[in-house]
PDB file of N, CA and C in Angstrom:
ATOM      1  N   MET A   1     115.523  67.101  72.645  1.00  0.00           N
ATOM      2  CA  MET A   1     116.097  68.306  73.202  1.00  0.00           C
ATOM      3  C   MET A   1     115.176  69.505  72.989  1.00  0.00           C
ATOM      4  N   LEU A   2     114.553  69.547  71.864  1.00  0.00           N
ATOM      5  CA  LEU A   2     113.616  70.619  71.582  1.00  0.00           C
ATOM      6  C   LEU A   2     112.435  70.561  72.559  1.00  0.00           C
ATOM      7  N   ASN A   3     112.014  69.337  72.839  1.00  0.00           N
ATOM      8  CA  ASN A   3     110.916  69.173  73.799  1.00  0.00           C
ATOM      9  C   ASN A   3     111.344  69.625  75.187  1.00  0.00           C
ATOM     10  N   ASP A   4     112.612  69.393  75.548  1.00  0.00           N
ATOM     11  CA  ASP A   4     113.109  69.837  76.852  1.00  0.00           C
ATOM     12  C   ASP A   4     113.095  71.359  76.945  1.00  0.00           C
ATOM     13  N   LYS A   5     113.572  72.018  75.891  1.00  0.00           N
ATOM     14  CA  LYS A   5     113.568  73.491  75.878  1.00  0.00           C
ATOM     15  C   LYS A   5     112.135  74.017  75.970  1.00  0.00           C
ATOM     16  N   LYS A   6     111.235  73.361  75.219  1.00  0.00           N
ATOM     17  CA  LYS A   6     109.847  73.796  75.238  1.00  0.00           C
ATOM     18  C   LYS A   6     109.248  73.592  76.633  1.00  0.00           C
ATOM     19  N   ALA A   7     109.570  72.498  77.282  1.00  0.00           N
ATOM     20  CA  ALA A   7     109.067  72.218  78.620  1.00  0.00           C
ATOM     21  C   ALA A   7     109.614  73.238  79.618  1.00  0.00           C
ATOM     22  N   VAL A   8     110.889  73.584  79.472  1.00  0.00           N
ATOM     23  CA  VAL A   8     111.490  74.592  80.353  1.00  0.00           C
ATOM     24  C   VAL A   8     110.826  75.943  80.125  1.00  0.00           C
ATOM     25  N   MET A   9     110.589  76.268  78.858  1.00  0.00           N
ATOM     26  CA  MET A   9     109.941  77.551  78.530  1.00  0.00           C
ATOM     27  C   MET A   9     108.507  77.573  79.080  1.00  0.00           C
ATOM     28  N   ASP A  10     107.776  76.479  78.904  1.00  0.00           N
ATOM     29  CA  ASP A  10     106.405  76.404  79.411  1.00  0.00           C
ATOM     30  C   ASP A  10     106.399  76.506  80.935  1.00  0.00           C
ATOM     31  N   GLY A  11     107.373  75.844  81.570  1.00  0.00           N
ATOM     32  CA  GLY A  11     107.493  75.916  83.023  1.00  0.00           C
ATOM     33  C   GLY A  11     107.794  77.332  83.473  1.00  0.00           C
ATOM     34  N   ALA A  12     108.657  78.029  82.746  1.00  0.00           N
ATOM     35  CA  ALA A  12     109.007  79.413  83.083  1.00  0.00           C
ATOM     36  C   ALA A  12     107.797  80.319  82.902  1.00  0.00           C
ATOM     37  N   LYS A  13     107.058  80.086  81.793  1.00  0.00           N
ATOM     38  CA  LYS A  13     105.855  80.890  81.552  1.00  0.00           C
ATOM     39  C   LYS A  13     104.838  80.669  82.670  1.00  0.00           C
ATOM     40  N   LEU A  14     104.654  79.398  83.037  1.00  0.00           N
ATOM     41  CA  LEU A  14     103.702  79.066  84.092  1.00  0.00           C
ATOM     42  C   LEU A  14     104.121  79.714  85.409  1.00  0.00           C
ATOM     43  N   GLN A  15     105.403  79.644  85.711  1.00  0.00           N
ATOM     44  CA  GLN A  15     105.929  80.257  86.941  1.00  0.00           C
ATOM     45  C   GLN A  15     105.738  81.775  86.899  1.00  0.00           C
ATOM     46  N   PHE A  16     105.981  82.370  85.740  1.00  0.00           N
ATOM     47  CA  PHE A  16     105.802  83.813  85.573  1.00  0.00           C
ATOM     48  C   PHE A  16     104.340  84.205  85.780  1.00  0.00           C
ATOM     49  N   VAL A  17     103.425  83.416  85.173  1.00  0.00           N
ATOM     50  CA  VAL A  17     101.992  83.706  85.299  1.00  0.00           C
ATOM     51  C   VAL A  17     101.556  83.549  86.753  1.00  0.00           C
ATOM     52  N   GLU A  18     102.017  82.519  87.438  1.00  0.00           N
ATOM     53  CA  GLU A  18     101.661  82.312  88.839  1.00  0.00           C
ATOM     54  C   GLU A  18     102.182  83.452  89.710  1.00  0.00           C
ATOM     55  N   GLU A  19     103.416  83.876  89.440  1.00  0.00           N
ATOM     56  CA  GLU A  19     103.992  85.003  90.201  1.00  0.00           C
ATOM     57  C   GLU A  19     103.198  86.287  89.942  1.00  0.00           C
ATOM     58  N   ALA A  20     102.806  86.508  88.685  1.00  0.00           N
ATOM     59  CA  ALA A  20     102.020  87.705  88.341  1.00  0.00           C
ATOM     60  C   ALA A  20     100.673  87.663  89.057  1.00  0.00           C
ATOM     61  N   GLU A  21     100.027  86.503  89.103  1.00  0.00           N
ATOM     62  CA  GLU A  21      98.747  86.376  89.789  1.00  0.00           C
ATOM     63  C   GLU A  21      98.902  86.605  91.290  1.00  0.00           C
ATOM     64  N   ARG A  22      99.971  86.073  91.849  1.00  0.00           N
ATOM     65  CA  ARG A  22     100.236  86.266  93.283  1.00  0.00           C
ATOM     66  C   ARG A  22     100.439  87.747  93.599  1.00  0.00           C
ATOM     67  N   LEU A  23     101.228  88.409  92.771  1.00  0.00           N
ATOM     68  CA  LEU A  23     101.476  89.847  92.979  1.00  0.00           C
ATOM     69  C   LEU A  23     100.198  90.661  92.782  1.00  0.00           C
ATOM     70  N   GLU A  24      99.404  90.283  91.797  1.00  0.00           N
ATOM     71  CA  GLU A  24      98.139  90.988  91.571  1.00  0.00           C
ATOM     72  C   GLU A  24      97.218  90.825  92.773  1.00  0.00           C
ATOM     73  N   SER A  25      97.195  89.619  93.341  1.00  0.00           N
ATOM     74  CA  SER A  25      96.378  89.373  94.536  1.00  0.00           C
ATOM     75  C   SER A  25      96.866  90.229  95.700  1.00  0.00           C
ATOM     76  N   ILE A  26      98.176  90.325  95.879  1.00  0.00           N
ATOM     77  CA  ILE A  26      98.741  91.155  96.950  1.00  0.00           C
ATOM     78  C   ILE A  26      98.342  92.612  96.758  1.00  0.00           C
ATOM     79  N   VAL A  27      98.437  93.094  95.520  1.00  0.00           N
ATOM     80  CA  VAL A  27      98.083  94.490  95.227  1.00  0.00           C
ATOM     81  C   VAL A  27      96.604  94.738  95.517  1.00  0.00           C
ATOM     82  N   GLN A  28      95.743  93.820  95.108  1.00  0.00           N
ATOM     83  CA  GLN A  28      94.307  93.986  95.357  1.00  0.00           C
ATOM     84  C   GLN A  28      94.010  94.007  96.857  1.00  0.00           C
ATOM     85  N   ASN A  29      94.653  93.103  97.603  1.00  0.00           N
ATOM     86  CA  ASN A  29      94.447  93.080  99.054  1.00  0.00           C
ATOM     87  C   ASN A  29      94.907  94.384  99.692  1.00  0.00           C
ATOM     88  N   ARG A  30      96.031  94.899  99.247  1.00  0.00           N
ATOM     89  CA  ARG A  30      96.524  96.167  99.802  1.00  0.00           C
ATOM     90  C   ARG A  30      95.609  97.323  99.439  1.00  0.00           C
ATOM     91  N   MET A  31      95.070  97.296  98.225  1.00  0.00           N
ATOM     92  CA  MET A  31      94.137  98.358  97.824  1.00  0.00           C
ATOM     93  C   MET A  31      92.870  98.303  98.680  1.00  0.00           C
ATOM     94  N   LEU A  32      92.377  97.082  98.947  1.00  0.00           N
ATOM     95  CA  LEU A  32      91.202  96.935  99.803  1.00  0.00           C
ATOM     96  C   LEU A  32      91.493  97.442 101.214  1.00  0.00           C
ATOM     97  N   ARG A  33      92.653  97.081 101.743  1.00  0.00           N
ATOM     98  CA  ARG A  33      93.027  97.563 103.076  1.00  0.00           C
ATOM     99  C   ARG A  33      93.128  99.084 103.098  1.00  0.00           C
ATOM    100  N   TYR A  34      93.711  99.652 102.033  1.00  0.00           N
ATOM    101  CA  TYR A  34      93.839 101.103 101.945  1.00  0.00           C
ATOM    102  C   TYR A  34      92.459 101.757 101.931  1.00  0.00           C
ATOM    103  N   ASP A  35      91.528 101.185 101.144  1.00  0.00           N
ATOM    104  CA  ASP A  35      90.168 101.734 101.096  1.00  0.00           C
ATOM    105  C   ASP A  35      89.493 101.656 102.464  1.00  0.00           C
ATOM    106  N   LEU A  36      89.664 100.516 103.149  1.00  0.00           N
ATOM    107  CA  LEU A  36      89.076 100.372 104.482  1.00  0.00           C
ATOM    108  C   LEU A  36      89.685 101.373 105.460  1.00  0.00           C
ATOM    109  N   MET A  37      90.994 101.549 105.389  1.00  0.00           N
ATOM    110  CA  MET A  37      91.652 102.514 106.265  1.00  0.00           C
ATOM    111  C   MET A  37      91.160 103.929 105.968  1.00  0.00           C
ATOM    112  N   GLN A  38      90.979 104.232 104.687  1.00  0.00           N
ATOM    113  CA  GLN A  38      90.472 105.562 104.317  1.00  0.00           C
ATOM    114  C   GLN A  38      89.069 105.778 104.876  1.00  0.00           C
ATOM    115  N   ARG A  39      88.204 104.753 104.757  1.00  0.00           N
ATOM    116  CA  ARG A  39      86.844 104.874 105.289  1.00  0.00           C
ATOM    117  C   ARG A  39      86.862 105.059 106.800  1.00  0.00           C
ATOM    118  N   ASP A  40      87.700 104.278 107.481  1.00  0.00           N
ATOM    119  CA  ASP A  40      87.809 104.405 108.937  1.00  0.00           C
ATOM    120  C   ASP A  40      88.294 105.794 109.324  1.00  0.00           C
ATOM    121  N   LEU A  41      89.275 106.285 108.603  1.00  0.00           N
ATOM    122  CA  LEU A  41      89.797 107.624 108.881  1.00  0.00           C
ATOM    123  C   LEU A  41      88.718 108.680 108.660  1.00  0.00           C
ATOM    124  N   GLN A  42      87.960 108.546 107.569  1.00  0.00           N
ATOM    125  CA  GLN A  42      86.896 109.514 107.295  1.00  0.00           C
ATOM    126  C   GLN A  42      85.825 109.460 108.378  1.00  0.00           C
ATOM    127  N   ARG A  43      85.478 108.256 108.831  1.00  0.00           N
ATOM    128  CA  ARG A  43      84.497 108.125 109.919  1.00  0.00           C
ATOM    129  C   ARG A  43      84.992 108.820 111.175  1.00  0.00           C
ATOM    130  N   GLU A  44      86.270 108.613 111.486  1.00  0.00           N
ATOM    131  CA  GLU A  44      86.838 109.239 112.690  1.00  0.00           C
ATOM    132  C   GLU A  44      86.833 110.763 112.552  1.00  0.00           C
ATOM    133  N   LEU A  45      87.186 111.264 111.370  1.00  0.00           N
ATOM    134  CA  LEU A  45      87.160 112.713 111.152  1.00  0.00           C
ATOM    135  C   LEU A  45      85.738 113.258 111.276  1.00  0.00           C
ATOM    136  N   ASP A  46      84.775 112.537 110.718  1.00  0.00           N
ATOM    137  CA  ASP A  46      83.373 112.955 110.824  1.00  0.00           C
ATOM    138  C   ASP A  46      82.918 112.959 112.281  1.00  0.00           C
ATOM    139  N   ARG A  47      83.326 111.929 113.029  1.00  0.00           N
ATOM    140  CA  ARG A  47      82.955 111.847 114.442  1.00  0.00           C
ATOM    141  C   ARG A  47      83.560 113.016 115.221  1.00  0.00           C
ATOM    142  N   GLN A  48      84.832 113.315 114.949  1.00  0.00           N
ATOM    143  CA  GLN A  48      85.485 114.423 115.644  1.00  0.00           C
ATOM    144  C   GLN A  48      84.818 115.755 115.303  1.00  0.00           C
ATOM    145  N   GLU A  49      84.410 115.920 114.051  1.00  0.00           N
ATOM    146  CA  GLU A  49      83.722 117.155 113.639  1.00  0.00           C
ATOM    147  C   GLU A  49      82.376 117.267 114.360  1.00  0.00           C
ATOM    148  N   LYS A  50      81.666 116.144 114.461  1.00  0.00           N
ATOM    149  CA  LYS A  50      80.376 116.146 115.146  1.00  0.00           C
ATOM    150  C   LYS A  50      80.552 116.506 116.622  1.00  0.00           C
ATOM    151  N   VAL A  51      81.574 115.930 117.248  1.00  0.00           N
ATOM    152  CA  VAL A  51      81.854 116.232 118.660  1.00  0.00           C
ATOM    153  C   VAL A  51      82.181 117.712 118.825  1.00  0.00           C
ATOM    154  N   ARG A  52      82.998 118.258 117.908  1.00  0.00           N
ATOM    155  CA  ARG A  52      83.366 119.674 117.976  1.00  0.00           C
ATOM    156  C   ARG A  52      82.123 120.556 117.850  1.00  0.00           C
ATOM    157  N   LEU A  53      81.252 120.225 116.898  1.00  0.00           N
ATOM    158  CA  LEU A  53      80.029 121.016 116.716  1.00  0.00           C
ATOM    159  C   LEU A  53      79.119 120.926 117.941  1.00  0.00           C
ATOM    160  N   LEU A  54      79.012 119.728 118.524  1.00  0.00           N
ATOM    161  CA  LEU A  54      78.187 119.577 119.728  1.00  0.00           C
ATOM    162  C   LEU A  54      78.764 120.379 120.894  1.00  0.00           C
ATOM    163  N   LYS A  55      80.089 120.395 121.014  1.00  0.00           N
ATOM    164  CA  LYS A  55      80.720 121.175 122.082  1.00  0.00           C
ATOM    165  C   LYS A  55      80.471 122.660 121.875  1.00  0.00           C
ATOM    166  N   GLU A  56      80.586 123.126 120.616  1.00  0.00           N
ATOM    167  CA  GLU A  56      80.320 124.540 120.334  1.00  0.00           C
ATOM    168  C   GLU A  56      78.870 124.888 120.671  1.00  0.00           C
ATOM    169  N   LYS A  57      77.934 124.013 120.293  1.00  0.00           N
ATOM    170  CA  LYS A  57      76.522 124.272 120.573  1.00  0.00           C
ATOM    171  C   LYS A  57      76.272 124.305 122.082  1.00  0.00           C
ATOM    172  N   ALA A  58      76.880 123.364 122.792  1.00  0.00           N
ATOM    173  CA  ALA A  58      76.719 123.329 124.247  1.00  0.00           C
ATOM    174  C   ALA A  58      77.275 124.602 124.878  1.00  0.00           C
ATOM    175  N   GLU A  59      78.414 125.080 124.383  1.00  0.00           N
ATOM    176  CA  GLU A  59      79.013 126.308 124.913  1.00  0.00           C
ATOM    177  C   GLU A  59      78.106 127.513 124.634  1.00  0.00           C
ATOM    178  N   LYS A  60      77.543 127.573 123.418  1.00  0.00           N
ATOM    179  CA  LYS A  60      76.626 128.670 123.083  1.00  0.00           C
ATOM    180  C   LYS A  60      75.380 128.620 123.967  1.00  0.00           C
ATOM    181  N   ASP A  61      74.838 127.408 124.151  1.00  0.00           N
ATOM    182  CA  ASP A  61      73.646 127.255 125.003  1.00  0.00           C
ATOM    183  C   ASP A  61      73.955 127.667 126.437  1.00  0.00           C
ATOM    184  N   ARG A  62      75.128 127.275 126.931  1.00  0.00           N
ATOM    185  CA  ARG A  62      75.518 127.633 128.287  1.00  0.00           C
ATOM    186  C   ARG A  62      75.650 129.145 128.419  1.00  0.00           C
ATOM    187  N   ALA A  63      76.277 129.771 127.422  1.00  0.00           N
ATOM    188  CA  ALA A  63      76.443 131.225 127.455  1.00  0.00           C
ATOM    189  C   ALA A  63      75.089 131.928 127.386  1.00  0.00           C
ATOM    190  N   ALA A  64      74.188 131.413 126.553  1.00  0.00           N
ATOM    191  CA  ALA A  64      72.855 132.010 126.444  1.00  0.00           C
ATOM    192  C   ALA A  64      72.089 131.861 127.761  1.00  0.00           C
ATOM    193  N   ALA A  65      72.202 130.700 128.392  1.00  0.00           N
ATOM    194  CA  ALA A  65      71.531 130.485 129.678  1.00  0.00           C
ATOM    195  C   ALA A  65      72.113 131.421 130.736  1.00  0.00           C
ATOM    196  N   GLU A  66      73.417 131.599 130.722  1.00  0.00           N
ATOM    197  CA  GLU A  66      74.069 132.514 131.672  1.00  0.00           C
ATOM    198  C   GLU A  66      73.589 133.950 131.452  1.00  0.00           C
ATOM    199  N   ASP A  67      73.482 134.365 130.165  1.00  0.00           N
ATOM    200  CA  ASP A  67      72.978 135.708 129.864  1.00  0.00           C
ATOM    201  C   ASP A  67      71.541 135.874 130.342  1.00  0.00           C
ATOM    202  N   ARG A  68      70.702 134.858 130.088  1.00  0.00           N
ATOM    203  CA  ARG A  68      69.305 134.930 130.548  1.00  0.00           C
ATOM    204  C   ARG A  68      69.244 135.045 132.063  1.00  0.00           C
ATOM    205  N   ARG A  69      70.063 134.255 132.753  1.00  0.00           N
ATOM    206  CA  ARG A  69      70.075 134.295 134.215  1.00  0.00           C
ATOM    207  C   ARG A  69      70.500 135.675 134.704  1.00  0.00           C
ATOM    208  N   LYS A  70      71.510 136.254 134.074  1.00  0.00           N
ATOM    209  CA  LYS A  70      71.971 137.586 134.483  1.00  0.00           C
ATOM    210  C   LYS A  70      70.877 138.628 134.237  1.00  0.00           C
ATOM    211  N   ARG A  71      70.188 138.514 133.082  1.00  0.00           N
ATOM    212  CA  ARG A  71      69.101 139.466 132.798  1.00  0.00           C
ATOM    213  C   ARG A  71      67.979 139.325 133.820  1.00  0.00           C
ATOM    214  N   GLU A  72      67.637 138.065 134.161  1.00  0.00           N
ATOM    215  CA  GLU A  72      66.592 137.834 135.154  1.00  0.00           C
ATOM    216  C   GLU A  72      67.003 138.406 136.505  1.00  0.00           C
ATOM    217  N   ASP A  73      68.250 138.191 136.900  1.00  0.00           N
ATOM    218  CA  ASP A  73      68.739 138.737 138.168  1.00  0.00           C
ATOM    219  C   ASP A  73      68.671 140.258 138.153  1.00  0.00           C
ATOM    220  N   ALA A  74      69.094 140.861 137.043  1.00  0.00           N
ATOM    221  CA  ALA A  74      69.076 142.326 136.939  1.00  0.00           C
ATOM    222  C   ALA A  74      67.628 142.832 136.978  1.00  0.00           C
ATOM    223  N   LYS A  75      66.724 142.110 136.322  1.00  0.00           N
ATOM    224  CA  LYS A  75      65.324 142.510 136.289  1.00  0.00           C
ATOM    225  C   LYS A  75      64.728 142.420 137.697  1.00  0.00           C
ATOM    226  N   ASN A  76      65.060 141.353 138.426  1.00  0.00           N
ATOM    227  CA  ASN A  76      64.530 141.169 139.772  1.00  0.00           C
ATOM    228  C   ASN A  76      65.080 142.229 140.723  1.00  0.00           C
ATOM    229  N   LYS A  77      66.318 142.607 140.554  1.00  0.00           N
ATOM    230  CA  LYS A  77      66.908 143.631 141.422  1.00  0.00           C
ATOM    231  C   LYS A  77      66.323 145.007 141.149  1.00  0.00           C
ATOM    232  N   SER A  78      65.966 145.267 139.895  1.00  0.00           N
ATOM    233  CA  SER A  78      65.485 146.604 139.549  1.00  0.00           C
ATOM    234  C   SER A  78      63.972 146.726 139.695  1.00  0.00           C
ATOM    235  N   GLY A  79      63.324 145.766 140.327  1.00  0.00           N
ATOM    236  CA  GLY A  79      61.883 145.888 140.535  1.00  0.00           C
ATOM    237  C   GLY A  79      61.091 145.150 139.481  1.00  0.00           C
ATOM    238  N   GLY A  80      61.630 144.075 138.980  1.00  0.00           N
ATOM    239  CA  GLY A  80      60.876 143.253 138.044  1.00  0.00           C
ATOM    240  C   GLY A  80      60.846 143.804 136.643  1.00  0.00           C
ATOM    241  N   GLY A  81      61.710 144.713 136.303  1.00  0.00           N
ATOM    242  CA  GLY A  81      61.758 145.226 134.952  1.00  0.00           C
ATOM    243  C   GLY A  81      60.638 146.198 134.645  1.00  0.00           C
ATOM    244  N   LYS A  82      59.986 146.683 135.682  1.00  0.00           N
ATOM    245  CA  LYS A  82      58.877 147.616 135.471  1.00  0.00           C
ATOM    246  C   LYS A  82      59.442 149.018 135.266  1.00  0.00           C
ATOM    247  N   SER A  83      58.615 149.871 134.714  1.00  0.00           N
ATOM    248  CA  SER A  83      59.047 151.247 134.497  1.00  0.00           C
ATOM    249  C   SER A  83      59.063 151.998 135.836  1.00  0.00           C
ATOM    250  N   LYS A  84      59.660 153.166 135.839  1.00  0.00           N
ATOM    251  CA  LYS A  84      59.754 153.954 137.071  1.00  0.00           C
ATOM    252  C   LYS A  84      58.375 154.340 137.591  1.00  0.00           C
ATOM    253  N   SER A  85      57.467 154.654 136.677  1.00  0.00           N
ATOM    254  CA  SER A  85      56.134 155.063 137.124  1.00  0.00           C
ATOM    255  C   SER A  85      55.420 153.895 137.800  1.00  0.00           C
ATOM    256  N   ALA A  86      55.662 152.670 137.315  1.00  0.00           N
ATOM    257  CA  ALA A  86      55.041 151.508 137.964  1.00  0.00           C
ATOM    258  C   ALA A  86      55.621 151.333 139.357  1.00  0.00           C
ATOM    259  N   GLY A  87      56.905 151.549 139.511  1.00  0.00           N
ATOM    260  CA  GLY A  87      57.533 151.460 140.831  1.00  0.00           C
ATOM    261  C   GLY A  87      57.000 152.533 141.755  1.00  0.00           C
ATOM    262  N   LYS A  88      56.796 153.727 141.209  1.00  0.00           N
ATOM    263  CA  LYS A  88      56.253 154.841 141.992  1.00  0.00           C
ATOM    264  C   LYS A  88      54.824 154.525 142.444  1.00  0.00           C
ATOM    265  N   ALA A  89      54.039 153.960 141.527  1.00  0.00           N
ATOM    266  CA  ALA A  89      52.655 153.615 141.855  1.00  0.00           C
ATOM    267  C   ALA A  89      52.615 152.565 142.962  1.00  0.00           C
ATOM    268  N   LYS A  90      53.543 151.632 142.922  1.00  0.00           N
ATOM    269  CA  LYS A  90      53.596 150.595 143.956  1.00  0.00           C
ATOM    270  C   LYS A  90      53.900 151.233 145.319  1.00  0.00           C
ATOM    271  N   LEU A  91      54.847 152.153 145.343  1.00  0.00           N
ATOM    272  CA  LEU A  91      55.194 152.839 146.589  1.00  0.00           C
ATOM    273  C   LEU A  91      53.997 153.633 147.114  1.00  0.00           C
ATOM    274  N   GLN A  92      53.275 154.312 146.196  1.00  0.00           N
ATOM    275  CA  GLN A  92      52.102 155.084 146.609  1.00  0.00           C
ATOM    276  C   GLN A  92      51.018 154.166 147.180  1.00  0.00           C
ATOM    277  N   LEU A  93      50.822 153.001 146.571  1.00  0.00           N
ATOM    278  CA  LEU A  93      49.832 152.052 147.046  1.00  0.00           C
ATOM    279  C   LEU A  93      50.193 151.585 148.458  1.00  0.00           C
ATOM    280  N   GLU A  94      51.469 151.257 148.651  1.00  0.00           N
ATOM    281  CA  GLU A  94      51.908 150.827 149.981  1.00  0.00           C
ATOM    282  C   GLU A  94      51.707 151.944 151.009  1.00  0.00           C
ATOM    283  N   ALA A  95      51.989 153.178 150.605  1.00  0.00           N
ATOM    284  CA  ALA A  95      51.814 154.310 151.521  1.00  0.00           C
ATOM    285  C   ALA A  95      50.332 154.462 151.893  1.00  0.00           C
ATOM    286  N   ARG A  96      49.436 154.313 150.917  1.00  0.00           N
ATOM    287  CA  ARG A  96      48.006 154.407 151.207  1.00  0.00           C
ATOM    288  C   ARG A  96      47.551 153.309 152.162  1.00  0.00           C
ATOM    289  N   LYS A  97      48.073 152.079 151.948  1.00  0.00           N
ATOM    290  CA  LYS A  97      47.705 150.969 152.834  1.00  0.00           C
ATOM    291  C   LYS A  97      48.154 151.260 154.260  1.00  0.00           C
ATOM    292  N   LYS A  98      49.376 151.783 154.397  1.00  0.00           N
ATOM    293  CA  LYS A  98      49.887 152.114 155.727  1.00  0.00           C
ATOM    294  C   LYS A  98      49.029 153.203 156.363  1.00  0.00           C
ATOM    295  N   ALA A  99      48.642 154.180 155.551  1.00  0.00           N
ATOM    296  CA  ALA A  99      47.811 155.259 156.073  1.00  0.00           C
ATOM    297  C   ALA A  99      46.460 154.718 156.557  1.00  0.00           C
ATOM    298  N   LYS A 100      45.863 153.789 155.787  1.00  0.00           N
ATOM    299  CA  LYS A 100      44.576 153.198 156.204  1.00  0.00           C
ATOM    300  C   LYS A 100      44.739 152.432 157.510  1.00  0.00           C
ATOM    301  N   LYS A 101      45.837 151.675 157.631  1.00  0.00           N
ATOM    302  CA  LYS A 101      46.087 150.914 158.858  1.00  0.00           C
ATOM    303  C   LYS A 101      46.248 151.850 160.042  1.00  0.00           C
ATOM    304  N   ALA A 102      46.975 152.923 159.822  1.00  0.00           N
ATOM    305  CA  ALA A 102      47.198 153.897 160.892  1.00  0.00           C
ATOM    306  C   ALA A 102      45.872 154.541 161.308  1.00  0.00           C
ATOM    307  N   LYS A 103      45.020 154.828 160.321  1.00  0.00           N
ATOM    308  CA  LYS A 103      43.731 155.431 160.609  1.00  0.00           C
ATOM    309  C   LYS A 103      42.854 154.475 161.417  1.00  0.00           C
ATOM    310  N   ARG A 104      42.854 153.194 161.043  1.00  0.00           N
ATOM    311  CA  ARG A 104      42.076 152.193 161.775  1.00  0.00           C
ATOM    312  C   ARG A 104      42.611 152.040 163.188  1.00  0.00           C
ATOM    313  N   ALA A 105      43.909 152.092 163.332  1.00  0.00           N
ATOM    314  CA  ALA A 105      44.507 151.919 164.648  1.00  0.00           C
ATOM    315  C   ALA A 105      44.089 153.085 165.567  1.00  0.00           C
ATOM    316  N   GLU A 106      43.915 154.256 165.021  1.00  0.00           N
ATOM    317  CA  GLU A 106      43.506 155.434 165.811  1.00  0.00           C
ATOM    318  C   GLU A 106      42.081 155.299 166.312  1.00  0.00           C
ATOM    319  N   THR A 107      41.230 154.722 165.507  1.00  0.00           N
ATOM    320  CA  THR A 107      39.800 154.653 165.887  1.00  0.00           C
ATOM    321  C   THR A 107      39.466 153.461 166.725  1.00  0.00           C
TER     322      THR A 107
END
């Protein structure tokens, strides 16, 4: 009878140890899954941050290009960005050329 009790106790201990090992394995697997999920989440957050930064840079570049285009258009409309005296000199040169042509036409 003592041997029966001891066998039952040993069987219970063995069952307890097996259950503890099974539960420990489940916990380890869940911890690994949690770590993998955390890494995946961090990668996704990093990717989204990179996309956001690229979009901001593209928007800044687009705005800068638009500003440059507007400045170029304004410069072209105002006579190439030259000073007033340069514009005046150009008009005087054209007037002299016309005068020379008119003089040649007379002779």
